[in-house]
Structure formats: structure tokens, C-alpha cells
Amino acid sequence: MKRFIAIDGLDGSGKDTQARLIKEKYEKEGTVIIRSHPTTDNFFGRTSKNALQHEEETKWNKIVATIFYGADAIRSLIKYYGKYDTVIFVRYTLAVSYLKKSLSVPVYKLVCFALPVSEYFFYLDVSPKVLMERIEKRKDKAEIFENYDDFVKVRAKAEPVLYNWHVIPANDSPEEIFARIEAILDELDAKLLDE
């Protein structure tokens, strides 16, 4: 059985934690890989990450971060999609939420037409207040979108493009969040086996 899973959400929503738990779930059944974007193993991912961690939040840094993020995700698709039993992407098509609201939906539809999609897409929905609390506990340098106002704006812009995602309430503990995701995974797996 081949699965293409995407975990997305705002920074601090617990994407990497959930990806690791999903990986553990499926490792007994076959090969699994996680690609967390932007990655650090290639030029595109490093360039995107550097732009995101730039001290100044400029329009140019946002453009560079977005373009190179897209190139990084496409590179991962080319290298890994279909080559493992389970491919897990941390961050995928929802980067369009960082575009202007008038552009996000049409660009998202275009991206979904051009790139692989599946029923195994999960959006971790966390309130901006909880996101800020989580970000403050981290020791990493804050990225340019990691502030309360951007969390509110981007969360609102993501809503219209979540029509083909499972939206998971994610203010709770990692175990409670994973239980919600696992229930959906089991349903989807059973459906795939029946086909």
C-alpha cells in the first residue's frame, strides 16, 4: 500500500512531532520517509530557511522564502514520491496561505492540479495564542512569520483552501492530537484495502 501524507499548519502547531508519530505507526509495514520543508539538505531548502530567519521582515525575504520553498518541495516530490511505501511531507501546498488573499485560492487550485494530492492531508489547527506560547518555549530563532498578527492573518487565509484537508484541532497534547489523526489514518487505510 502506498501513502502520500502531508502534515501542515502554522509554525508551532506540532507538525514534526505528528510526522514522527505517523512514521512510527507505519515503519512496521514498510519503508517510510519524512521530508520536512524547508529542508537543509539542498540549496533550495537552505535558501528558503535563510530567508525565513532573516532579521528583517521584508517583501523580498518573503518572496525568496516562498519561491525557494516551492522548489524544495518539488525537488522532494521528484526524488521521493512513490519510491517509499509511505512518504510524509511536513508542509506542502498550504504555503499559498502566505500569498495575498486574492491569490491564495486560485494558486492553490493550480498547485493541486499540477502536484500530487491525496486524502491523507492533515492541517493542525492551533489558536494564535497557543502558537505564541509554544514559539516562546522553543530555543530556536523566530522566523519572519512567527508573530501573533501573522498567525491570525495566515490562519484566516488558509481557511478557504482547506477543503481537501482533514482539519485537526491541535491545541491539546501531542498524544491527543495523534489519536485524532490515527483514527482518520485507520479509516483511510481500511478504505484503500477495500478498493
N, C-alpha and C. Protein backbone atom coordinates (compact mmCIF):
# COMPACT_ATOMS: atom_id res chain seq x y z
N MET A 1 0.84 -1.18 0.00
CA MET A 1 0.00 0.00 0.00
C MET A 1 0.89 1.24 0.00
N LYS A 2 0.64 2.17 -0.90
CA LYS A 2 1.40 3.42 -0.98
C LYS A 2 0.58 4.55 -0.38
N ARG A 3 1.23 5.37 0.44
CA ARG A 3 0.55 6.52 1.05
C ARG A 3 1.39 7.77 0.83
N PHE A 4 0.68 8.86 0.52
CA PHE A 4 1.33 10.17 0.46
C PHE A 4 0.62 11.03 1.49
N ILE A 5 1.32 11.34 2.57
CA ILE A 5 0.74 12.06 3.70
C ILE A 5 1.36 13.44 3.79
N ALA A 6 0.53 14.44 4.03
CA ALA A 6 1.03 15.80 4.27
C ALA A 6 0.51 16.27 5.62
N ILE A 7 1.40 16.87 6.39
CA ILE A 7 1.05 17.48 7.67
C ILE A 7 1.38 18.95 7.53
N ASP A 8 0.39 19.80 7.73
CA ASP A 8 0.64 21.24 7.61
C ASP A 8 -0.01 21.97 8.76
N GLY A 9 0.28 23.23 8.87
CA GLY A 9 -0.22 24.06 9.95
C GLY A 9 0.77 25.19 10.17
N LEU A 10 0.40 26.12 10.99
CA LEU A 10 1.29 27.25 11.26
C LEU A 10 2.48 26.80 12.11
N ASP A 11 3.50 27.63 12.16
CA ASP A 11 4.69 27.30 12.96
C ASP A 11 4.29 27.11 14.42
N GLY A 12 4.78 26.03 15.01
CA GLY A 12 4.45 25.75 16.40
C GLY A 12 3.23 24.86 16.56
N SER A 13 2.66 24.40 15.45
CA SER A 13 1.43 23.60 15.54
C SER A 13 1.71 22.13 15.85
N GLY A 14 2.97 21.71 15.78
CA GLY A 14 3.31 20.33 16.13
C GLY A 14 3.46 19.41 14.93
N LYS A 15 3.73 19.97 13.77
CA LYS A 15 3.82 19.18 12.53
C LYS A 15 4.90 18.09 12.60
N ASP A 16 6.10 18.47 13.01
CA ASP A 16 7.20 17.50 13.05
C ASP A 16 6.93 16.38 14.06
N THR A 17 6.35 16.73 15.19
CA THR A 17 6.01 15.73 16.21
C THR A 17 5.02 14.73 15.65
N GLN A 18 3.97 15.22 14.98
CA GLN A 18 2.96 14.32 14.42
C GLN A 18 3.53 13.49 13.29
N ALA A 19 4.40 14.08 12.49
CA ALA A 19 5.04 13.32 11.40
C ALA A 19 5.85 12.16 11.97
N ARG A 20 6.58 12.39 13.07
CA ARG A 20 7.36 11.32 13.69
C ARG A 20 6.45 10.20 14.22
N LEU A 21 5.33 10.59 14.82
CA LEU A 21 4.40 9.58 15.35
C LEU A 21 3.77 8.76 14.21
N ILE A 22 3.46 9.42 13.12
CA ILE A 22 2.92 8.71 11.95
C ILE A 22 3.98 7.77 11.38
N LYS A 23 5.22 8.24 11.31
CA LYS A 23 6.32 7.40 10.81
C LYS A 23 6.44 6.14 11.67
N GLU A 24 6.40 6.30 12.98
CA GLU A 24 6.48 5.15 13.90
C GLU A 24 5.34 4.17 13.66
N LYS A 25 4.16 4.70 13.38
CA LYS A 25 2.98 3.85 13.13
C LYS A 25 3.20 2.96 11.91
N TYR A 26 3.79 3.51 10.85
CA TYR A 26 3.88 2.78 9.59
C TYR A 26 5.20 2.06 9.35
N GLU A 27 6.20 2.29 10.19
CA GLU A 27 7.51 1.66 9.96
C GLU A 27 7.44 0.13 9.98
N LYS A 28 6.51 -0.43 10.73
CA LYS A 28 6.38 -1.89 10.80
C LYS A 28 5.86 -2.47 9.48
N GLU A 29 5.21 -1.63 8.68
CA GLU A 29 4.57 -2.10 7.45
C GLU A 29 5.41 -1.90 6.20
N GLY A 30 6.46 -1.13 6.27
CA GLY A 30 7.26 -0.89 5.07
C GLY A 30 8.15 0.33 5.23
N THR A 31 8.65 0.81 4.10
CA THR A 31 9.57 1.94 4.11
C THR A 31 8.82 3.26 4.28
N VAL A 32 9.39 4.14 5.10
CA VAL A 32 8.77 5.43 5.40
C VAL A 32 9.85 6.51 5.36
N ILE A 33 9.51 7.65 4.79
CA ILE A 33 10.43 8.80 4.81
C ILE A 33 9.64 10.05 5.18
N ILE A 34 10.29 10.92 5.94
CA ILE A 34 9.73 12.24 6.26
C ILE A 34 10.57 13.28 5.54
N ARG A 35 9.89 14.21 4.88
CA ARG A 35 10.56 15.37 4.27
C ARG A 35 9.94 16.61 4.92
N SER A 36 10.71 17.27 5.76
CA SER A 36 10.23 18.46 6.46
C SER A 36 10.75 19.70 5.75
N HIS A 37 9.85 20.48 5.18
CA HIS A 37 10.23 21.63 4.35
C HIS A 37 10.15 22.94 5.14
N PRO A 38 11.05 23.86 4.92
CA PRO A 38 12.20 23.74 4.04
C PRO A 38 13.25 22.81 4.65
N THR A 39 13.85 21.97 3.79
CA THR A 39 14.87 21.03 4.23
C THR A 39 16.23 21.72 4.27
N THR A 40 17.18 21.04 4.86
CA THR A 40 18.52 21.63 4.92
C THR A 40 19.52 20.85 4.08
N ASP A 41 19.05 19.85 3.33
CA ASP A 41 19.96 19.00 2.57
C ASP A 41 20.13 19.43 1.11
N ASN A 42 19.63 20.62 0.77
CA ASN A 42 19.80 21.09 -0.61
C ASN A 42 19.74 22.62 -0.64
N PHE A 43 20.20 23.16 -1.74
CA PHE A 43 20.30 24.61 -1.92
C PHE A 43 18.95 25.32 -1.77
N PHE A 44 17.89 24.75 -2.35
CA PHE A 44 16.58 25.40 -2.31
C PHE A 44 16.06 25.53 -0.88
N GLY A 45 16.14 24.43 -0.14
CA GLY A 45 15.66 24.44 1.24
C GLY A 45 16.47 25.38 2.12
N ARG A 46 17.80 25.34 1.97
CA ARG A 46 18.66 26.22 2.78
C ARG A 46 18.39 27.69 2.47
N THR A 47 18.19 28.00 1.19
CA THR A 47 17.93 29.39 0.80
C THR A 47 16.61 29.86 1.39
N SER A 48 15.57 29.01 1.32
CA SER A 48 14.27 29.36 1.90
C SER A 48 14.39 29.57 3.41
N LYS A 49 15.07 28.65 4.08
CA LYS A 49 15.24 28.74 5.54
C LYS A 49 16.00 30.01 5.93
N ASN A 50 17.05 30.34 5.19
CA ASN A 50 17.81 31.57 5.48
C ASN A 50 16.94 32.81 5.33
N ALA A 51 16.10 32.83 4.29
CA ALA A 51 15.21 33.99 4.10
C ALA A 51 14.19 34.08 5.23
N LEU A 52 13.70 32.93 5.69
CA LEU A 52 12.73 32.92 6.79
C LEU A 52 13.35 33.39 8.10
N GLN A 53 14.64 33.13 8.29
CA GLN A 53 15.30 33.50 9.54
C GLN A 53 16.00 34.86 9.48
N HIS A 54 15.80 35.56 8.38
CA HIS A 54 16.41 36.88 8.22
C HIS A 54 15.83 37.82 9.28
N GLU A 55 16.67 38.69 9.80
CA GLU A 55 16.22 39.58 10.88
C GLU A 55 15.17 40.58 10.42
N GLU A 56 15.24 40.99 9.17
CA GLU A 56 14.26 41.95 8.65
C GLU A 56 13.15 41.23 7.91
N GLU A 57 11.91 41.58 8.23
CA GLU A 57 10.76 41.00 7.54
C GLU A 57 10.45 41.88 6.34
N THR A 58 11.12 41.64 5.23
CA THR A 58 10.92 42.43 4.03
C THR A 58 10.12 41.63 3.01
N LYS A 59 9.54 42.36 2.07
CA LYS A 59 8.79 41.72 0.99
C LYS A 59 9.72 40.78 0.22
N TRP A 60 10.94 41.21 -0.02
CA TRP A 60 11.90 40.41 -0.76
C TRP A 60 12.19 39.08 -0.05
N ASN A 61 12.39 39.11 1.28
CA ASN A 61 12.63 37.89 2.03
C ASN A 61 11.45 36.93 1.95
N LYS A 62 10.24 37.47 1.99
CA LYS A 62 9.05 36.63 1.87
C LYS A 62 8.97 35.98 0.49
N ILE A 63 9.28 36.75 -0.54
CA ILE A 63 9.25 36.22 -1.91
C ILE A 63 10.30 35.11 -2.08
N VAL A 64 11.53 35.39 -1.62
CA VAL A 64 12.61 34.40 -1.72
C VAL A 64 12.23 33.14 -0.94
N ALA A 65 11.74 33.30 0.28
CA ALA A 65 11.36 32.14 1.10
C ALA A 65 10.30 31.30 0.39
N THR A 66 9.31 31.95 -0.20
CA THR A 66 8.21 31.24 -0.86
C THR A 66 8.67 30.52 -2.12
N ILE A 67 9.41 31.20 -2.98
CA ILE A 67 9.86 30.60 -4.24
C ILE A 67 10.78 29.41 -3.97
N PHE A 68 11.75 29.58 -3.09
CA PHE A 68 12.69 28.50 -2.84
C PHE A 68 12.04 27.37 -2.03
N TYR A 69 11.06 27.70 -1.20
CA TYR A 69 10.28 26.66 -0.52
C TYR A 69 9.59 25.78 -1.56
N GLY A 70 8.94 26.40 -2.54
CA GLY A 70 8.27 25.66 -3.60
C GLY A 70 9.23 24.75 -4.35
N ALA A 71 10.40 25.27 -4.68
CA ALA A 71 11.40 24.48 -5.39
C ALA A 71 11.87 23.30 -4.53
N ASP A 72 12.00 23.53 -3.23
CA ASP A 72 12.42 22.49 -2.30
C ASP A 72 11.38 21.37 -2.24
N ALA A 73 10.10 21.74 -2.14
CA ALA A 73 9.02 20.74 -2.08
C ALA A 73 8.95 19.94 -3.39
N ILE A 74 9.08 20.63 -4.51
CA ILE A 74 9.04 19.94 -5.82
C ILE A 74 10.23 18.98 -5.95
N ARG A 75 11.39 19.42 -5.49
CA ARG A 75 12.57 18.54 -5.50
C ARG A 75 12.29 17.27 -4.70
N SER A 76 11.67 17.42 -3.53
CA SER A 76 11.34 16.25 -2.70
C SER A 76 10.37 15.33 -3.43
N LEU A 77 9.39 15.91 -4.11
CA LEU A 77 8.45 15.08 -4.88
C LEU A 77 9.18 14.26 -5.93
N ILE A 78 10.05 14.92 -6.68
CA ILE A 78 10.78 14.24 -7.75
C ILE A 78 11.64 13.11 -7.19
N LYS A 79 12.30 13.36 -6.06
CA LYS A 79 13.24 12.37 -5.51
C LYS A 79 12.57 11.24 -4.73
N TYR A 80 11.42 11.51 -4.06
CA TYR A 80 10.91 10.54 -3.09
C TYR A 80 9.48 10.04 -3.34
N TYR A 81 8.67 10.78 -4.05
CA TYR A 81 7.26 10.40 -4.24
C TYR A 81 7.17 9.06 -4.96
N GLY A 82 6.45 8.12 -4.36
CA GLY A 82 6.26 6.82 -4.97
C GLY A 82 7.40 5.84 -4.77
N LYS A 83 8.50 6.29 -4.17
CA LYS A 83 9.67 5.42 -4.00
C LYS A 83 9.72 4.77 -2.62
N TYR A 84 8.81 5.16 -1.75
CA TYR A 84 8.68 4.58 -0.41
C TYR A 84 7.23 4.15 -0.24
N ASP A 85 6.98 3.25 0.71
CA ASP A 85 5.60 2.84 0.96
C ASP A 85 4.80 4.01 1.51
N THR A 86 5.43 4.79 2.40
CA THR A 86 4.77 5.96 2.98
C THR A 86 5.72 7.15 2.89
N VAL A 87 5.26 8.19 2.23
CA VAL A 87 6.02 9.44 2.13
C VAL A 87 5.24 10.48 2.93
N ILE A 88 5.93 11.10 3.89
CA ILE A 88 5.30 12.12 4.74
C ILE A 88 5.97 13.46 4.46
N PHE A 89 5.17 14.41 4.03
CA PHE A 89 5.66 15.78 3.84
C PHE A 89 5.20 16.64 5.01
N VAL A 90 6.14 17.30 5.65
CA VAL A 90 5.81 18.32 6.64
C VAL A 90 5.86 19.63 5.88
N ARG A 91 4.74 20.25 5.74
CA ARG A 91 4.50 21.43 4.90
C ARG A 91 4.46 20.99 3.44
N TYR A 92 3.42 21.47 2.75
CA TYR A 92 3.29 21.11 1.34
C TYR A 92 2.62 22.25 0.61
N THR A 93 1.42 22.07 0.14
CA THR A 93 0.76 23.05 -0.73
C THR A 93 0.18 24.25 0.01
N LEU A 94 0.06 24.19 1.31
CA LEU A 94 -0.57 25.30 2.04
C LEU A 94 0.33 26.52 2.20
N ALA A 95 1.51 26.48 1.65
CA ALA A 95 2.35 27.68 1.64
C ALA A 95 1.65 28.81 0.90
N VAL A 96 0.67 28.47 0.06
CA VAL A 96 -0.08 29.52 -0.65
C VAL A 96 -0.83 30.43 0.32
N SER A 97 -1.02 29.99 1.55
CA SER A 97 -1.69 30.82 2.57
C SER A 97 -0.90 32.08 2.90
N TYR A 98 0.37 32.09 2.53
CA TYR A 98 1.20 33.25 2.81
C TYR A 98 1.11 34.28 1.68
N LEU A 99 0.42 33.92 0.60
CA LEU A 99 0.21 34.87 -0.51
C LEU A 99 -0.93 35.83 -0.16
N LYS A 100 -1.13 36.84 -1.01
CA LYS A 100 -2.27 37.73 -0.82
C LYS A 100 -3.54 36.90 -0.91
N LYS A 101 -4.56 37.30 -0.16
CA LYS A 101 -5.81 36.53 -0.08
C LYS A 101 -6.43 36.32 -1.47
N SER A 102 -6.36 37.32 -2.33
CA SER A 102 -6.96 37.21 -3.66
C SER A 102 -6.24 36.17 -4.53
N LEU A 103 -4.97 35.88 -4.21
CA LEU A 103 -4.19 34.92 -4.98
C LEU A 103 -4.20 33.51 -4.40
N SER A 104 -4.41 33.39 -3.10
CA SER A 104 -4.21 32.09 -2.45
C SER A 104 -5.11 30.98 -3.01
N VAL A 105 -6.39 31.23 -3.22
CA VAL A 105 -7.28 30.17 -3.70
C VAL A 105 -6.97 29.77 -5.14
N PRO A 106 -6.86 30.74 -6.11
CA PRO A 106 -6.54 30.30 -7.47
C PRO A 106 -5.18 29.62 -7.58
N VAL A 107 -4.18 30.11 -6.86
CA VAL A 107 -2.85 29.48 -6.91
C VAL A 107 -2.94 28.08 -6.29
N TYR A 108 -3.69 27.94 -5.21
CA TYR A 108 -3.84 26.64 -4.58
C TYR A 108 -4.48 25.63 -5.54
N LYS A 109 -5.53 26.04 -6.25
CA LYS A 109 -6.19 25.15 -7.21
C LYS A 109 -5.23 24.74 -8.32
N LEU A 110 -4.42 25.68 -8.77
CA LEU A 110 -3.43 25.38 -9.80
C LEU A 110 -2.38 24.39 -9.28
N VAL A 111 -1.91 24.63 -8.07
CA VAL A 111 -0.92 23.75 -7.46
C VAL A 111 -1.48 22.33 -7.30
N CYS A 112 -2.74 22.23 -6.85
CA CYS A 112 -3.37 20.92 -6.67
C CYS A 112 -3.60 20.21 -8.00
N PHE A 113 -3.75 20.97 -9.05
CA PHE A 113 -3.89 20.39 -10.38
C PHE A 113 -2.55 19.84 -10.87
N ALA A 114 -1.49 20.57 -10.56
CA ALA A 114 -0.15 20.22 -11.07
C ALA A 114 0.60 19.21 -10.21
N LEU A 115 0.33 19.19 -8.91
CA LEU A 115 1.10 18.34 -7.99
C LEU A 115 0.22 17.23 -7.41
N PRO A 116 0.82 16.14 -6.96
CA PRO A 116 0.03 15.06 -6.36
C PRO A 116 -0.68 15.51 -5.08
N VAL A 117 -1.90 15.03 -4.92
CA VAL A 117 -2.67 15.25 -3.70
C VAL A 117 -3.22 13.90 -3.25
N SER A 118 -3.66 13.82 -2.01
CA SER A 118 -4.25 12.57 -1.52
C SER A 118 -5.25 12.89 -0.42
N GLU A 119 -5.94 11.86 0.01
CA GLU A 119 -6.88 12.02 1.13
C GLU A 119 -6.17 12.06 2.46
N TYR A 120 -4.87 11.81 2.46
CA TYR A 120 -4.07 11.76 3.68
C TYR A 120 -3.44 13.11 4.01
N PHE A 121 -4.19 14.18 3.88
CA PHE A 121 -3.67 15.52 4.18
C PHE A 121 -4.28 16.02 5.49
N PHE A 122 -3.41 16.47 6.40
CA PHE A 122 -3.85 16.90 7.73
C PHE A 122 -3.36 18.33 8.01
N TYR A 123 -4.29 19.16 8.46
CA TYR A 123 -3.96 20.53 8.86
C TYR A 123 -4.14 20.63 10.36
N LEU A 124 -3.08 20.97 11.08
CA LEU A 124 -3.14 21.12 12.53
C LEU A 124 -3.57 22.54 12.87
N ASP A 125 -4.76 22.66 13.38
CA ASP A 125 -5.34 23.98 13.65
C ASP A 125 -5.14 24.36 15.12
N VAL A 126 -4.29 25.34 15.33
CA VAL A 126 -3.95 25.80 16.68
C VAL A 126 -4.24 27.29 16.77
N SER A 127 -4.78 27.72 17.89
CA SER A 127 -5.08 29.14 18.05
C SER A 127 -3.78 29.95 18.09
N PRO A 128 -3.81 31.19 17.58
CA PRO A 128 -2.60 32.03 17.61
C PRO A 128 -2.01 32.20 19.02
N LYS A 129 -2.87 32.27 20.01
CA LYS A 129 -2.39 32.43 21.40
C LYS A 129 -1.53 31.23 21.81
N VAL A 130 -2.02 30.02 21.54
CA VAL A 130 -1.27 28.81 21.88
C VAL A 130 0.02 28.72 21.05
N LEU A 131 -0.07 29.11 19.77
CA LEU A 131 1.14 29.10 18.92
C LEU A 131 2.22 29.99 19.52
N MET A 132 1.85 31.19 19.96
CA MET A 132 2.83 32.11 20.54
C MET A 132 3.45 31.51 21.80
N GLU A 133 2.64 30.85 22.62
CA GLU A 133 3.16 30.21 23.84
C GLU A 133 4.19 29.14 23.47
N ARG A 134 3.87 28.34 22.44
CA ARG A 134 4.79 27.28 22.02
C ARG A 134 6.07 27.85 21.43
N ILE A 135 5.95 28.89 20.61
CA ILE A 135 7.12 29.52 19.98
C ILE A 135 8.05 30.09 21.05
N GLU A 136 7.47 30.72 22.07
CA GLU A 136 8.28 31.32 23.14
C GLU A 136 9.04 30.27 23.94
N LYS A 137 8.52 29.04 24.02
CA LYS A 137 9.20 27.97 24.76
C LYS A 137 10.36 27.37 23.97
N ARG A 138 10.31 27.51 22.64
CA ARG A 138 11.38 26.98 21.80
C ARG A 138 12.66 27.78 21.99
N LYS A 139 13.77 27.16 21.71
CA LYS A 139 15.04 27.88 21.82
C LYS A 139 15.53 28.38 20.47
N ASP A 140 14.81 28.00 19.39
CA ASP A 140 15.21 28.41 18.04
C ASP A 140 14.95 29.89 17.83
N LYS A 141 15.67 30.44 16.88
CA LYS A 141 15.45 31.82 16.46
C LYS A 141 14.10 31.92 15.76
N ALA A 142 13.31 32.92 16.10
CA ALA A 142 12.00 33.10 15.48
C ALA A 142 12.15 33.44 14.00
N GLU A 143 11.23 32.90 13.18
CA GLU A 143 11.24 33.19 11.76
C GLU A 143 10.34 34.39 11.48
N ILE A 144 10.40 34.91 10.25
CA ILE A 144 9.72 36.17 9.94
C ILE A 144 8.20 36.11 10.06
N PHE A 145 7.60 34.93 9.91
CA PHE A 145 6.14 34.84 10.02
C PHE A 145 5.69 34.47 11.44
N GLU A 146 6.61 34.29 12.36
CA GLU A 146 6.26 33.81 13.69
C GLU A 146 5.96 34.95 14.65
N ASN A 147 4.80 35.54 14.44
CA ASN A 147 4.31 36.58 15.35
C ASN A 147 2.79 36.51 15.35
N TYR A 148 2.19 37.06 16.38
CA TYR A 148 0.74 36.90 16.58
C TYR A 148 -0.07 37.42 15.39
N ASP A 149 0.26 38.61 14.89
CA ASP A 149 -0.51 39.19 13.79
C ASP A 149 -0.46 38.32 12.53
N ASP A 150 0.73 37.82 12.18
CA ASP A 150 0.84 36.94 11.01
C ASP A 150 0.10 35.63 11.23
N PHE A 151 0.15 35.09 12.44
CA PHE A 151 -0.58 33.86 12.72
C PHE A 151 -2.08 34.06 12.47
N VAL A 152 -2.62 35.19 12.93
CA VAL A 152 -4.04 35.47 12.74
C VAL A 152 -4.36 35.60 11.25
N LYS A 153 -3.54 36.37 10.53
CA LYS A 153 -3.78 36.60 9.08
C LYS A 153 -3.66 35.32 8.27
N VAL A 154 -2.59 34.58 8.49
CA VAL A 154 -2.35 33.38 7.68
C VAL A 154 -3.38 32.30 8.01
N ARG A 155 -3.76 32.18 9.26
CA ARG A 155 -4.79 31.20 9.64
C ARG A 155 -6.10 31.52 8.93
N ALA A 156 -6.46 32.79 8.84
CA ALA A 156 -7.68 33.19 8.14
C ALA A 156 -7.56 32.92 6.64
N LYS A 157 -6.38 33.17 6.07
CA LYS A 157 -6.20 32.94 4.63
C LYS A 157 -6.15 31.45 4.29
N ALA A 158 -5.80 30.61 5.25
CA ALA A 158 -5.74 29.17 5.00
C ALA A 158 -7.14 28.56 4.91
N GLU A 159 -8.11 29.11 5.62
CA GLU A 159 -9.44 28.51 5.69
C GLU A 159 -10.06 28.18 4.32
N PRO A 160 -10.03 29.10 3.33
CA PRO A 160 -10.68 28.76 2.05
C PRO A 160 -10.00 27.66 1.25
N VAL A 161 -8.75 27.31 1.58
CA VAL A 161 -8.06 26.27 0.81
C VAL A 161 -7.97 24.94 1.56
N LEU A 162 -8.69 24.81 2.64
CA LEU A 162 -8.63 23.58 3.43
C LEU A 162 -9.71 22.58 3.05
N TYR A 163 -10.36 22.79 1.92
CA TYR A 163 -11.49 21.94 1.53
C TYR A 163 -11.09 20.49 1.27
N ASN A 164 -9.84 20.21 0.96
CA ASN A 164 -9.43 18.82 0.75
C ASN A 164 -8.43 18.34 1.82
N TRP A 165 -8.51 18.95 3.00
CA TRP A 165 -7.66 18.58 4.14
C TRP A 165 -8.52 18.13 5.31
N HIS A 166 -7.96 17.26 6.16
CA HIS A 166 -8.60 16.93 7.44
C HIS A 166 -8.09 17.99 8.43
N VAL A 167 -8.98 18.82 8.92
CA VAL A 167 -8.59 19.86 9.88
C VAL A 167 -8.66 19.25 11.28
N ILE A 168 -7.52 19.22 11.94
CA ILE A 168 -7.39 18.58 13.25
C ILE A 168 -7.22 19.65 14.32
N PRO A 169 -8.16 19.75 15.28
CA PRO A 169 -7.94 20.68 16.40
C PRO A 169 -6.66 20.26 17.13
N ALA A 170 -5.74 21.19 17.32
CA ALA A 170 -4.41 20.80 17.80
C ALA A 170 -3.89 21.68 18.93
N ASN A 171 -4.78 22.18 19.78
CA ASN A 171 -4.34 22.93 20.96
C ASN A 171 -3.93 22.00 22.09
N ASP A 172 -4.20 20.69 21.95
CA ASP A 172 -4.02 19.74 23.03
C ASP A 172 -2.63 19.10 23.03
N SER A 173 -2.48 18.05 23.80
CA SER A 173 -1.19 17.35 23.89
C SER A 173 -0.93 16.59 22.59
N PRO A 174 0.35 16.30 22.31
CA PRO A 174 0.68 15.54 21.10
C PRO A 174 -0.06 14.20 21.02
N GLU A 175 -0.24 13.54 22.17
CA GLU A 175 -0.92 12.24 22.19
C GLU A 175 -2.39 12.37 21.80
N GLU A 176 -3.05 13.41 22.30
CA GLU A 176 -4.47 13.62 21.95
C GLU A 176 -4.61 13.97 20.46
N ILE A 177 -3.69 14.78 19.97
CA ILE A 177 -3.73 15.16 18.54
C ILE A 177 -3.50 13.93 17.68
N PHE A 178 -2.51 13.12 18.05
CA PHE A 178 -2.21 11.92 17.26
C PHE A 178 -3.38 10.94 17.27
N ALA A 179 -4.07 10.83 18.39
CA ALA A 179 -5.23 9.93 18.46
C ALA A 179 -6.27 10.34 17.41
N ARG A 180 -6.47 11.64 17.23
CA ARG A 180 -7.42 12.12 16.20
C ARG A 180 -6.92 11.77 14.80
N ILE A 181 -5.63 11.99 14.58
CA ILE A 181 -5.06 11.69 13.26
C ILE A 181 -5.09 10.19 13.00
N GLU A 182 -4.71 9.40 14.00
CA GLU A 182 -4.65 7.95 13.81
C GLU A 182 -6.02 7.37 13.46
N ALA A 183 -7.07 7.88 14.07
CA ALA A 183 -8.42 7.39 13.76
C ALA A 183 -8.72 7.60 12.28
N ILE A 184 -8.34 8.74 11.75
CA ILE A 184 -8.57 9.03 10.32
C ILE A 184 -7.66 8.16 9.45
N LEU A 185 -6.40 8.00 9.85
CA LEU A 185 -5.48 7.15 9.10
C LEU A 185 -6.02 5.72 8.99
N ASP A 186 -6.52 5.21 10.10
CA ASP A 186 -7.04 3.83 10.10
C ASP A 186 -8.25 3.71 9.16
N GLU A 187 -9.10 4.73 9.17
CA GLU A 187 -10.26 4.76 8.26
C GLU A 187 -9.81 4.76 6.80
N LEU A 188 -8.87 5.64 6.50
CA LEU A 188 -8.37 5.75 5.12
C LEU A 188 -7.67 4.48 4.66
N ASP A 189 -6.90 3.87 5.56
CA ASP A 189 -6.21 2.62 5.23
C ASP A 189 -7.22 1.52 4.92
N ALA A 190 -8.26 1.43 5.77
CA ALA A 190 -9.28 0.41 5.55
C ALA A 190 -9.98 0.62 4.20
N LYS A 191 -10.24 1.88 3.87
CA LYS A 191 -10.87 2.21 2.58
C LYS A 191 -9.97 1.80 1.42
N LEU A 192 -8.66 2.05 1.54
CA LEU A 192 -7.71 1.67 0.50
C LEU A 192 -7.66 0.15 0.31
N LEU A 193 -7.70 -0.58 1.41
CA LEU A 193 -7.65 -2.05 1.34
C LEU A 193 -8.90 -2.61 0.65
N ASP A 194 -10.04 -1.94 0.85
CA ASP A 194 -11.29 -2.39 0.23
C ASP A 194 -11.33 -2.16 -1.27
N GLU A 195 -10.53 -1.22 -1.75
CA GLU A 195 -10.58 -0.87 -3.19
C GLU A 195 -9.89 -1.91 -4.05
